[in-house]
Every structure is written in structure tokens, then in C-alpha cells.
Amino acid sequence: MSTDEILLDVEDRMEKAVAHLRKGLSGVRTGRANPGLVDGLKVIAYGCETPLRQLATISCPEAQQILIRPFDAGTLKDIEKSIRNSDLGYAPNSDGKVIRLNIPPLSAEVRRKMGTMIRDLCEECKVSIRNVRRDGNKMIDKEEKAKEISEDERDSAKESIQDLTKKYEDLATELAKNREKDVMEE
């Protein structure tokens, strides 16, 4: 494997770690309604488990409300049941055509817990990035021992991997900081 291939693999895996963080952060509740809060919800409809976003449009007409409009009115009860059975803690209000979820404001204690959760997600992402760096460095060392690359190429590749590590760790920190700021706003 060439150093370019190793660097591409390392960058791709680091990008996936940050994408996983983004997905995790989108599900973190802020004081405002966000479609990401129910986006990952699974609904048992048509005899199988289906993601909510495939059964309905999800929007936020107000800052404290999520509106779920099923594509098929027959799935309304299934969606309502899944929301009730989930650990989201929201009570769905249905008028027979749409479901409204009222999002209560967060207390100061809950906001602090959310901040801690965000920092934990960020740290998990950074650990993943560092593990990718370790794997990349091992692959580079392996190539150098097999005399496929020179010592200078090895050192240059390790420096590039470290630069990628710093870049993606900084990106993860920035994402977490912005999300934490959203959570802490009243």
C-alpha cells in the first residue's frame, strides 16, 4: 500500500468519525424543536420496522413544536404509538391528519447534563480519530520495514497523519462547542 493510499484511508476514516459525531449531536435536545430529535425513531408499520422519516414529513412550524405529517394517514396510529413507547418523553397530540409534539423548555440542570453528554460525544470522536492515527502510523511503519518506502517518506507521511489528526480533532471540538452553545441558550 502506498503512502498516498494510507493517507486517503486515514482521512476517510477520520471524516467518518466526525460524521458520526455530527449525527450524535443532531439528536441532542436543545431548548428549541428540531426534526433531528425524532428523525431516528423507528416505527412498526406495514409489518416491519421503518424509520419515521420514510413514513412522514417532519417540520418545526414553531420554536417549541415538531409537526409530523404522515404520507399515508393509515400510519398515523403506528407513528403515535412509537412516539409514546420511545424514551423521548413527548406526548403526541394527533388531530387525525398530523401529529404535534410540544417540546418543553429545558431546565438548567438538564442543560448541564446535555452539555456533559456533548463533551462525552466529542471525546469519543477524538479517541476514534486518535485510533485511526495509530493505525495509520502502524501501516506506515510496516511499509518502511518492508522497504516499500524510505525513512524520509515515513516521516513525511507520519507528519501528514498528525496534521490530519489535528484538523479533525479541531473540527470535532468546534462542532461540540457550537452545539453546547445552542443547548445552553435560554
Foldseek 3Di string as FASTA:
>chain_A
DDLVVLLVVLLVQLVVLLVVLVLVLQCQDAQFDHQSVQQQQWFCDPNRTDGLVVFWDWDGPDRFKIKTFGPDLVCVVRVQVSVVPDPSPWHWDDPSGMTMTGHHGDDPVVLVVSLVVLVVSLVVSLVSSVVSLVVSLVVLVVCVVVVVDDPVSSVVSNVSSVVSSVVSSVVSVVVSVVSSVRRNDD
